[in-house]
N, C-alpha and C. Protein backbone atom coordinates (compact mmCIF):
# COMPACT_ATOMS: atom_id res chain seq x y z
N MET A 1 0.73 -1.15 0.08
CA MET A 1 -0.02 0.05 -0.15
C MET A 1 0.89 1.18 0.05
N ASP A 2 0.60 2.20 -0.80
CA ASP A 2 1.25 3.55 -0.72
C ASP A 2 1.22 4.24 0.46
N ARG A 3 2.28 4.63 1.03
CA ARG A 3 2.45 5.37 2.37
C ARG A 3 1.65 6.55 2.45
N SER A 4 1.45 7.31 1.23
CA SER A 4 0.67 8.51 1.33
C SER A 4 -0.82 8.33 1.43
N ILE A 5 -1.35 7.11 0.94
CA ILE A 5 -2.76 6.79 1.24
C ILE A 5 -2.84 6.28 2.64
N ALA A 6 -1.94 5.50 3.31
CA ALA A 6 -2.00 4.93 4.58
C ALA A 6 -2.18 6.31 5.50
N THR A 7 -1.48 7.16 5.31
CA THR A 7 -1.58 8.36 6.22
C THR A 7 -2.96 9.09 6.16
N LEU A 8 -3.67 8.81 5.15
CA LEU A 8 -4.94 9.46 5.13
C LEU A 8 -6.19 8.55 5.36
N GLY A 9 -5.95 7.43 5.52
CA GLY A 9 -6.85 6.48 5.90
C GLY A 9 -7.45 5.66 4.61
N VAL A 10 -7.74 4.45 4.70
CA VAL A 10 -8.35 3.52 3.61
C VAL A 10 -9.56 3.10 3.87
N PRO A 11 -10.27 2.44 2.85
CA PRO A 11 -11.68 1.95 3.17
C PRO A 11 -11.77 1.05 4.54
N GLY A 12 -12.61 1.43 5.17
CA GLY A 12 -13.04 0.68 6.53
C GLY A 12 -12.53 1.54 7.69
N ASN A 13 -11.77 2.68 7.64
CA ASN A 13 -11.39 3.33 8.61
C ASN A 13 -11.09 4.80 8.18
N GLY A 14 -11.04 5.67 8.93
CA GLY A 14 -10.42 7.08 8.85
C GLY A 14 -11.26 7.86 7.70
N PRO A 15 -10.67 8.96 7.24
CA PRO A 15 -11.22 10.03 6.52
C PRO A 15 -11.60 9.38 5.29
N PHE A 16 -10.83 8.62 4.56
CA PHE A 16 -11.16 8.10 3.32
C PHE A 16 -12.46 7.37 3.35
N SER A 17 -12.58 6.67 4.31
CA SER A 17 -13.84 5.76 4.45
C SER A 17 -14.80 6.54 4.60
N GLN A 18 -15.08 7.70 5.14
CA GLN A 18 -16.21 8.49 5.30
C GLN A 18 -16.44 9.17 3.85
N MET A 19 -15.28 9.70 3.27
CA MET A 19 -15.58 10.24 2.08
C MET A 19 -16.04 9.37 1.11
N TYR A 20 -15.46 8.10 1.01
CA TYR A 20 -16.09 7.16 -0.01
C TYR A 20 -17.58 6.98 0.27
N ARG A 21 -17.88 6.76 1.54
CA ARG A 21 -19.46 6.55 1.90
C ARG A 21 -20.18 7.69 1.51
N ASP A 22 -19.51 8.97 1.70
CA ASP A 22 -20.56 10.26 1.32
C ASP A 22 -20.63 10.25 0.03
N GLY A 23 -19.57 9.90 -0.93
CA GLY A 23 -19.54 9.91 -2.31
C GLY A 23 -20.56 9.05 -2.91
N MET A 24 -20.64 7.67 -2.39
CA MET A 24 -21.58 6.85 -2.96
C MET A 24 -22.78 6.96 -2.55
N ASP A 25 -23.06 7.42 -1.30
CA ASP A 25 -24.37 7.86 -0.75
C ASP A 25 -24.88 9.05 -1.59
N LEU A 26 -24.05 9.98 -1.85
CA LEU A 26 -24.50 11.34 -2.77
C LEU A 26 -24.85 10.83 -4.27
N LEU A 27 -24.34 9.85 -4.72
CA LEU A 27 -24.56 9.35 -6.08
C LEU A 27 -25.90 8.61 -5.98
N GLU A 28 -26.30 7.88 -4.96
CA GLU A 28 -27.54 7.24 -5.00
C GLU A 28 -28.66 8.23 -4.64
N ARG A 29 -28.39 9.16 -3.78
CA ARG A 29 -29.52 10.14 -3.61
C ARG A 29 -29.95 11.20 -4.81
N VAL A 30 -28.74 11.29 -5.55
CA VAL A 30 -29.09 12.10 -6.81
C VAL A 30 -29.78 11.28 -7.65
N SER A 31 -29.48 10.07 -7.89
CA SER A 31 -30.05 9.21 -8.76
C SER A 31 -31.64 9.15 -8.42
N ALA A 32 -31.84 8.96 -7.21
CA ALA A 32 -33.22 8.90 -6.65
C ALA A 32 -33.92 10.05 -6.72
N TYR A 33 -33.43 11.26 -6.51
CA TYR A 33 -33.91 12.52 -6.89
C TYR A 33 -34.48 12.73 -8.23
N LEU A 34 -33.25 12.50 -9.23
CA LEU A 34 -33.51 12.84 -10.61
C LEU A 34 -34.58 11.78 -11.22
N GLY A 35 -34.57 10.72 -10.58
CA GLY A 35 -35.71 9.60 -11.21
C GLY A 35 -37.16 9.82 -10.49
N GLY A 36 -37.14 10.66 -9.50
CA GLY A 36 -38.43 10.64 -8.73
C GLY A 36 -38.93 12.17 -8.58
N PRO A 37 -38.52 12.70 -7.38
CA PRO A 37 -39.17 14.03 -7.10
C PRO A 37 -38.66 15.12 -8.11
N GLY A 38 -37.45 15.10 -8.64
CA GLY A 38 -36.88 15.95 -9.60
C GLY A 38 -37.59 15.80 -10.87
N ARG A 39 -37.88 14.67 -11.36
CA ARG A 39 -38.68 14.47 -12.52
C ARG A 39 -39.84 15.17 -12.44
N LEU A 40 -40.70 15.03 -11.31
CA LEU A 40 -41.94 15.60 -11.03
C LEU A 40 -41.82 17.29 -11.00
N GLU A 41 -40.86 17.65 -10.39
CA GLU A 41 -40.60 19.13 -10.21
C GLU A 41 -40.27 19.75 -11.81
N ALA A 42 -39.48 19.01 -12.52
CA ALA A 42 -39.10 19.49 -13.91
C ALA A 42 -40.31 19.57 -14.85
N ALA A 43 -41.22 18.54 -14.66
CA ALA A 43 -42.40 18.68 -15.49
C ALA A 43 -43.20 19.86 -15.36
N ARG A 44 -43.23 20.50 -14.10
CA ARG A 44 -43.86 21.71 -13.76
C ARG A 44 -43.23 22.82 -14.38
N LEU A 45 -42.03 22.92 -14.74
CA LEU A 45 -41.18 24.17 -15.22
C LEU A 45 -41.76 24.40 -16.50
N SER A 46 -41.36 25.77 -16.87
CA SER A 46 -41.60 26.21 -18.27
C SER A 46 -40.51 25.52 -19.22
N GLU A 47 -40.82 25.69 -20.35
CA GLU A 47 -39.91 24.83 -21.45
C GLU A 47 -38.51 25.45 -21.18
N ASP A 48 -38.18 26.60 -21.11
CA ASP A 48 -36.71 27.05 -20.89
C ASP A 48 -36.16 26.61 -19.56
N ALA A 49 -36.82 26.65 -18.50
CA ALA A 49 -36.52 26.04 -17.30
C ALA A 49 -36.30 24.62 -17.23
N ASN A 50 -37.08 24.02 -17.89
CA ASN A 50 -37.02 22.44 -18.13
C ASN A 50 -35.76 22.24 -18.79
N THR A 51 -35.41 22.93 -19.86
CA THR A 51 -34.27 22.63 -20.71
C THR A 51 -32.91 22.98 -19.71
N ALA A 52 -33.05 23.94 -18.88
CA ALA A 52 -31.91 24.13 -17.98
C ALA A 52 -31.96 23.33 -16.86
N TYR A 53 -32.99 22.69 -16.44
CA TYR A 53 -33.02 21.82 -15.53
C TYR A 53 -32.29 20.46 -15.90
N HIS A 54 -32.56 20.21 -17.14
CA HIS A 54 -31.96 18.83 -17.63
C HIS A 54 -30.60 19.03 -17.99
N ALA A 55 -30.15 20.27 -18.34
CA ALA A 55 -28.60 20.68 -18.65
C ALA A 55 -28.00 20.47 -17.34
N GLU A 56 -28.49 20.82 -16.36
CA GLU A 56 -28.00 21.12 -14.95
C GLU A 56 -27.76 19.54 -14.36
N SER A 57 -28.97 18.75 -14.59
CA SER A 57 -28.78 17.41 -14.06
C SER A 57 -27.96 16.58 -14.77
N ARG A 58 -27.62 16.91 -16.16
CA ARG A 58 -26.65 16.13 -16.88
C ARG A 58 -25.17 16.63 -16.35
N ALA A 59 -24.99 17.76 -16.03
CA ALA A 59 -23.79 18.28 -15.46
C ALA A 59 -23.41 17.77 -14.08
N LEU A 60 -24.56 17.66 -13.23
CA LEU A 60 -24.32 17.11 -12.00
C LEU A 60 -23.99 15.61 -11.96
N THR A 61 -24.76 14.99 -12.97
CA THR A 61 -24.52 13.46 -13.12
C THR A 61 -23.07 13.11 -13.45
N THR A 62 -22.57 13.96 -14.66
CA THR A 62 -21.14 13.79 -14.98
C THR A 62 -20.18 14.05 -13.94
N LEU A 63 -20.31 15.09 -12.98
CA LEU A 63 -19.35 15.43 -12.04
C LEU A 63 -19.36 14.20 -11.00
N LEU A 64 -20.56 13.81 -10.63
CA LEU A 64 -20.69 12.60 -9.51
C LEU A 64 -20.05 11.47 -10.13
N LEU A 65 -20.26 11.13 -11.47
CA LEU A 65 -19.56 9.81 -12.06
C LEU A 65 -18.06 10.00 -12.05
N GLN A 66 -17.62 11.32 -12.22
CA GLN A 66 -16.05 11.33 -12.18
C GLN A 66 -15.54 11.28 -10.82
N ILE A 67 -16.30 11.88 -9.92
CA ILE A 67 -15.92 11.64 -8.30
C ILE A 67 -15.85 10.26 -8.02
N ALA A 68 -16.99 9.62 -8.49
CA ALA A 68 -16.97 8.12 -8.17
C ALA A 68 -16.03 7.31 -8.70
N ALA A 69 -15.57 7.66 -9.82
CA ALA A 69 -14.35 6.94 -10.83
C ALA A 69 -13.01 7.26 -9.86
N TRP A 70 -12.86 8.54 -9.28
CA TRP A 70 -11.69 8.85 -8.49
C TRP A 70 -11.72 7.99 -7.31
N LEU A 71 -12.76 7.93 -6.57
CA LEU A 71 -12.89 7.27 -5.29
C LEU A 71 -12.76 5.88 -5.42
N LEU A 72 -13.17 5.27 -6.51
CA LEU A 72 -13.06 3.75 -6.75
C LEU A 72 -11.51 3.61 -7.03
N MET A 73 -11.01 4.44 -7.88
CA MET A 73 -9.47 4.16 -8.34
C MET A 73 -8.69 4.54 -6.97
N GLU A 74 -8.95 5.34 -6.09
CA GLU A 74 -8.20 5.40 -4.77
C GLU A 74 -8.36 4.29 -3.92
N ARG A 75 -9.68 3.64 -3.97
CA ARG A 75 -9.83 2.46 -3.17
C ARG A 75 -9.03 1.34 -3.67
N ALA A 76 -8.90 1.41 -5.09
CA ALA A 76 -8.17 0.07 -5.62
C ALA A 76 -6.72 0.43 -5.27
N VAL A 77 -6.20 1.41 -5.10
CA VAL A 77 -4.76 1.63 -4.84
C VAL A 77 -4.68 1.11 -3.21
N ALA A 78 -5.53 1.54 -2.40
CA ALA A 78 -5.52 1.24 -0.83
C ALA A 78 -5.65 -0.06 -0.68
N GLU A 79 -6.30 -0.77 -1.62
CA GLU A 79 -6.47 -2.39 -1.37
C GLU A 79 -5.31 -3.15 -2.11
N GLY A 80 -4.47 -2.33 -2.74
CA GLY A 80 -3.36 -2.95 -3.47
C GLY A 80 -3.77 -3.65 -4.90
N GLU A 81 -4.86 -3.10 -5.34
CA GLU A 81 -5.07 -3.76 -6.72
C GLU A 81 -4.42 -2.85 -7.87
N ILE A 82 -4.11 -1.76 -7.70
CA ILE A 82 -3.31 -0.93 -8.59
C ILE A 82 -2.34 0.04 -7.94
N SER A 83 -1.47 0.39 -8.74
CA SER A 83 -0.42 1.28 -8.10
C SER A 83 -0.58 2.73 -8.46
N MET A 84 0.01 3.61 -7.77
CA MET A 84 -0.06 5.02 -7.99
C MET A 84 0.41 5.54 -9.30
N ASP A 85 1.27 4.58 -10.01
CA ASP A 85 1.51 4.98 -11.57
C ASP A 85 0.49 4.87 -12.22
N VAL A 86 -0.39 3.84 -12.07
CA VAL A 86 -1.79 3.74 -12.71
C VAL A 86 -2.62 4.96 -12.58
N VAL A 87 -2.79 5.42 -11.40
CA VAL A 87 -3.55 6.58 -10.89
C VAL A 87 -3.01 7.73 -11.70
N ARG A 88 -1.72 7.82 -11.77
CA ARG A 88 -1.24 9.19 -12.46
C ARG A 88 -1.61 9.12 -13.76
N LEU A 89 -1.51 7.90 -14.46
CA LEU A 89 -1.96 7.78 -15.88
C LEU A 89 -3.60 8.20 -16.00
N GLN A 90 -4.18 7.55 -15.20
CA GLN A 90 -5.75 7.86 -15.14
C GLN A 90 -5.95 9.19 -14.91
N ALA A 91 -5.24 9.94 -14.02
CA ALA A 91 -5.73 11.22 -13.67
C ALA A 91 -5.93 12.21 -14.93
N SER A 92 -5.38 12.08 -16.00
CA SER A 92 -5.42 12.85 -17.18
C SER A 92 -6.88 12.46 -17.70
N ARG A 93 -7.35 11.32 -17.38
CA ARG A 93 -8.78 10.78 -17.96
C ARG A 93 -9.97 11.18 -17.12
N THR A 94 -9.53 11.48 -15.79
CA THR A 94 -10.40 11.72 -14.76
C THR A 94 -10.60 13.24 -14.59
N ASP A 95 -11.82 13.73 -14.96
CA ASP A 95 -11.93 15.33 -14.96
C ASP A 95 -12.70 15.69 -13.73
N LEU A 96 -12.03 16.06 -12.63
CA LEU A 96 -12.70 16.53 -11.53
C LEU A 96 -12.93 17.95 -11.36
N LYS A 97 -12.69 18.61 -12.51
CA LYS A 97 -13.27 19.97 -12.61
C LYS A 97 -14.46 20.11 -12.64
N ALA A 98 -15.25 20.79 -12.01
CA ALA A 98 -16.52 20.93 -11.96
C ALA A 98 -17.20 21.40 -13.24
N PRO A 99 -18.24 20.65 -13.85
CA PRO A 99 -18.93 21.34 -14.94
C PRO A 99 -19.61 22.66 -14.63
N PRO A 100 -19.63 23.67 -15.44
CA PRO A 100 -20.22 24.77 -14.98
C PRO A 100 -21.72 24.53 -14.73
N ALA A 101 -22.05 25.06 -13.71
CA ALA A 101 -23.66 25.00 -13.26
C ALA A 101 -24.44 25.72 -14.37
N VAL A 102 -25.38 25.16 -14.59
CA VAL A 102 -26.39 25.77 -15.47
C VAL A 102 -27.43 26.50 -14.62
N ALA A 103 -26.95 27.77 -14.43
CA ALA A 103 -27.93 28.62 -13.50
C ALA A 103 -29.36 28.90 -13.94
N SER A 104 -30.24 28.86 -13.11
CA SER A 104 -31.58 29.20 -13.49
C SER A 104 -32.18 29.48 -12.16
N PRO A 105 -32.96 30.50 -11.94
CA PRO A 105 -33.73 30.91 -10.70
C PRO A 105 -34.84 29.79 -10.62
N ASP A 106 -35.17 29.22 -11.57
CA ASP A 106 -36.21 28.36 -11.50
C ASP A 106 -35.99 26.88 -11.03
N HIS A 107 -34.69 26.60 -10.94
CA HIS A 107 -34.30 25.32 -10.40
C HIS A 107 -34.91 24.87 -9.23
N PRO A 108 -35.43 23.77 -9.06
CA PRO A 108 -35.93 23.26 -7.60
C PRO A 108 -34.71 23.33 -6.60
N GLU A 109 -35.15 23.71 -5.33
CA GLU A 109 -34.38 23.57 -4.39
C GLU A 109 -33.55 22.20 -4.08
N GLY A 110 -34.30 21.28 -4.37
CA GLY A 110 -33.66 19.97 -4.13
C GLY A 110 -32.54 19.75 -5.14
N LEU A 111 -32.47 20.37 -6.35
CA LEU A 111 -31.48 20.34 -7.22
C LEU A 111 -30.28 21.13 -6.91
N LYS A 112 -30.65 22.40 -6.45
CA LYS A 112 -29.70 23.19 -5.84
C LYS A 112 -28.75 22.73 -4.78
N ALA A 113 -29.66 21.98 -3.99
CA ALA A 113 -28.95 21.46 -2.67
C ALA A 113 -28.01 20.46 -2.93
N LEU A 114 -28.43 19.48 -3.90
CA LEU A 114 -27.53 18.40 -4.45
C LEU A 114 -26.32 18.86 -5.16
N ARG A 115 -26.44 19.91 -6.00
CA ARG A 115 -25.33 20.46 -6.68
C ARG A 115 -24.42 20.95 -5.58
N ALA A 116 -24.70 21.62 -4.50
CA ALA A 116 -24.07 22.25 -3.44
C ALA A 116 -23.19 21.14 -2.81
N GLU A 117 -23.80 20.10 -2.55
CA GLU A 117 -23.30 19.01 -1.70
C GLU A 117 -22.32 18.25 -2.69
N ALA A 118 -22.53 18.15 -3.97
CA ALA A 118 -21.45 17.61 -4.95
C ALA A 118 -20.17 18.49 -5.13
N GLU A 119 -20.59 19.86 -5.10
CA GLU A 119 -19.33 20.80 -5.17
C GLU A 119 -18.58 20.84 -3.88
N ALA A 120 -19.08 20.50 -2.69
CA ALA A 120 -18.27 20.39 -1.51
C ALA A 120 -17.57 18.96 -1.43
N LEU A 121 -18.26 17.98 -1.94
CA LEU A 121 -17.50 16.74 -2.16
C LEU A 121 -16.33 16.88 -3.05
N ARG A 122 -16.55 17.43 -4.40
CA ARG A 122 -15.64 17.57 -5.36
C ARG A 122 -14.43 18.38 -4.71
N ALA A 123 -14.68 19.47 -3.90
CA ALA A 123 -13.43 20.15 -3.36
C ALA A 123 -12.65 19.29 -2.41
N ALA A 124 -13.21 18.49 -1.71
CA ALA A 124 -12.67 17.61 -0.71
C ALA A 124 -11.84 16.55 -1.52
N VAL A 125 -12.45 15.84 -2.51
CA VAL A 125 -11.71 14.94 -3.28
C VAL A 125 -10.50 15.40 -3.91
N CYS A 126 -10.75 16.71 -4.48
CA CYS A 126 -9.56 17.27 -5.31
C CYS A 126 -8.45 17.72 -4.36
N ALA A 127 -8.69 17.98 -3.04
CA ALA A 127 -7.70 18.41 -2.22
C ALA A 127 -6.84 17.15 -1.74
N ARG A 128 -7.65 16.05 -1.52
CA ARG A 128 -7.14 14.78 -1.34
C ARG A 128 -6.33 14.16 -2.50
N ALA A 129 -6.73 14.49 -3.69
CA ALA A 129 -6.11 13.91 -4.87
C ALA A 129 -4.98 14.70 -4.98
N GLU A 130 -4.83 16.12 -4.85
CA GLU A 130 -3.71 17.02 -4.94
C GLU A 130 -2.59 16.32 -4.10
N TYR A 131 -2.87 16.19 -2.64
CA TYR A 131 -2.10 15.61 -1.69
C TYR A 131 -1.47 14.26 -2.01
N LEU A 132 -2.39 13.30 -2.58
CA LEU A 132 -1.88 12.03 -2.84
C LEU A 132 -0.88 12.01 -4.16
N LEU A 133 -1.22 12.83 -4.95
CA LEU A 133 -0.42 12.77 -6.21
C LEU A 133 0.75 13.56 -6.00
N GLY A 134 0.79 14.64 -5.09
CA GLY A 134 1.81 15.55 -4.77
C GLY A 134 3.00 14.62 -3.91
N ALA A 135 2.25 13.96 -2.99
CA ALA A 135 3.09 13.08 -2.29
C ALA A 135 3.77 11.94 -2.81
N ALA A 136 3.09 11.34 -3.74
CA ALA A 136 3.75 10.20 -4.68
C ALA A 136 4.97 10.91 -5.38
N ASN A 137 4.84 12.05 -5.98
CA ASN A 137 5.83 12.75 -6.80
C ASN A 137 6.92 13.12 -5.80
N ALA A 138 6.66 13.53 -4.65
CA ALA A 138 7.81 13.77 -3.54
C ALA A 138 8.51 12.58 -3.12
N ASN A 139 7.88 11.42 -3.13
CA ASN A 139 8.49 10.29 -2.61
C ASN A 139 9.47 9.74 -3.69
N GLY A 140 9.70 10.41 -4.91
CA GLY A 140 10.60 9.89 -5.99
C GLY A 140 10.23 9.11 -6.84
N GLU A 141 8.85 8.88 -6.80
CA GLU A 141 8.05 7.95 -7.91
C GLU A 141 8.32 8.67 -9.11
N ARG A 142 7.88 8.04 -10.22
CA ARG A 142 8.04 8.49 -11.56
C ARG A 142 7.28 9.80 -11.66
N PRO A 143 7.81 10.63 -12.72
CA PRO A 143 7.12 12.00 -12.71
C PRO A 143 5.81 11.84 -13.54
N ALA A 144 5.13 12.82 -13.65
CA ALA A 144 3.90 12.91 -14.39
C ALA A 144 3.99 12.54 -15.80
N PRO A 145 3.05 11.82 -16.47
CA PRO A 145 3.06 11.63 -17.95
C PRO A 145 3.27 13.03 -18.67
N MET A 146 4.21 12.81 -19.74
CA MET A 146 4.30 13.96 -20.58
C MET A 146 4.85 15.25 -19.85
N GLY A 147 5.33 15.16 -18.64
CA GLY A 147 5.85 16.15 -17.92
C GLY A 147 4.85 17.27 -17.35
N ARG A 148 3.49 16.85 -17.38
CA ARG A 148 2.54 17.77 -17.04
C ARG A 148 2.29 17.65 -15.54
N PRO A 149 2.23 18.65 -14.73
CA PRO A 149 1.76 18.52 -13.37
C PRO A 149 0.31 17.82 -13.16
N HIS A 150 0.11 16.80 -12.36
CA HIS A 150 -1.10 16.21 -12.20
C HIS A 150 -2.13 17.06 -11.73
N LEU A 151 -1.67 18.05 -10.64
CA LEU A 151 -2.47 18.85 -9.99
C LEU A 151 -3.43 19.74 -10.81
N GLN A 152 -2.92 20.23 -12.06
CA GLN A 152 -3.65 20.95 -12.97
C GLN A 152 -4.76 20.06 -13.52
N LEU A 153 -4.68 18.72 -13.57
CA LEU A 153 -5.64 17.90 -14.42
C LEU A 153 -6.84 17.82 -13.26
N VAL A 154 -6.78 17.94 -12.16
CA VAL A 154 -7.84 17.75 -11.26
C VAL A 154 -8.35 18.91 -10.61
N ARG A 155 -7.66 20.07 -10.66
CA ARG A 155 -8.13 21.23 -10.00
C ARG A 155 -8.13 22.49 -11.08
N ARG A 156 -9.10 23.35 -10.81
CA ARG A 156 -9.02 24.53 -11.65
C ARG A 156 -8.13 25.50 -11.00
N PRO A 157 -7.55 26.45 -11.65
CA PRO A 157 -6.65 27.33 -11.02
C PRO A 157 -7.20 28.14 -9.78
N GLN A 158 -8.52 28.38 -9.88
CA GLN A 158 -9.07 29.22 -8.75
C GLN A 158 -9.40 28.41 -7.57
N ASP A 159 -9.31 27.08 -7.58
CA ASP A 159 -9.67 26.25 -6.55
C ASP A 159 -8.84 26.30 -5.44
């Protein structure tokens, strides 16, 4: 197991365990909302607001799937199934930059609240990813592919 992951906790204990559970729980709650109450709320919106609602729900779903991919990848490292080298290579394919919100004053409060939760989780996952990738590089492991810093792949400059 990579030492940087060991210091932050692995599934079953510590901070990663809680973050993992929170991420999977949020993914389930968003799915339930979009397939149930959200669908009913969207049906009551004007055509323009409905279009914005569906664009926002797609952006939210995309963000959560990327977060889940990262969490699953980190869990695989913690369990010894893959190495940090694989994570570094996959970091360029896992886009944890938040898709821009599709703002609409007509968005239901439930959708707004779920987006806010997803943004908070994204920020926590990005901070952790930054630490893990930085620690792996500091430990003298292989440099980032193509010489690009990993951290720019998972965080926007203003984060």
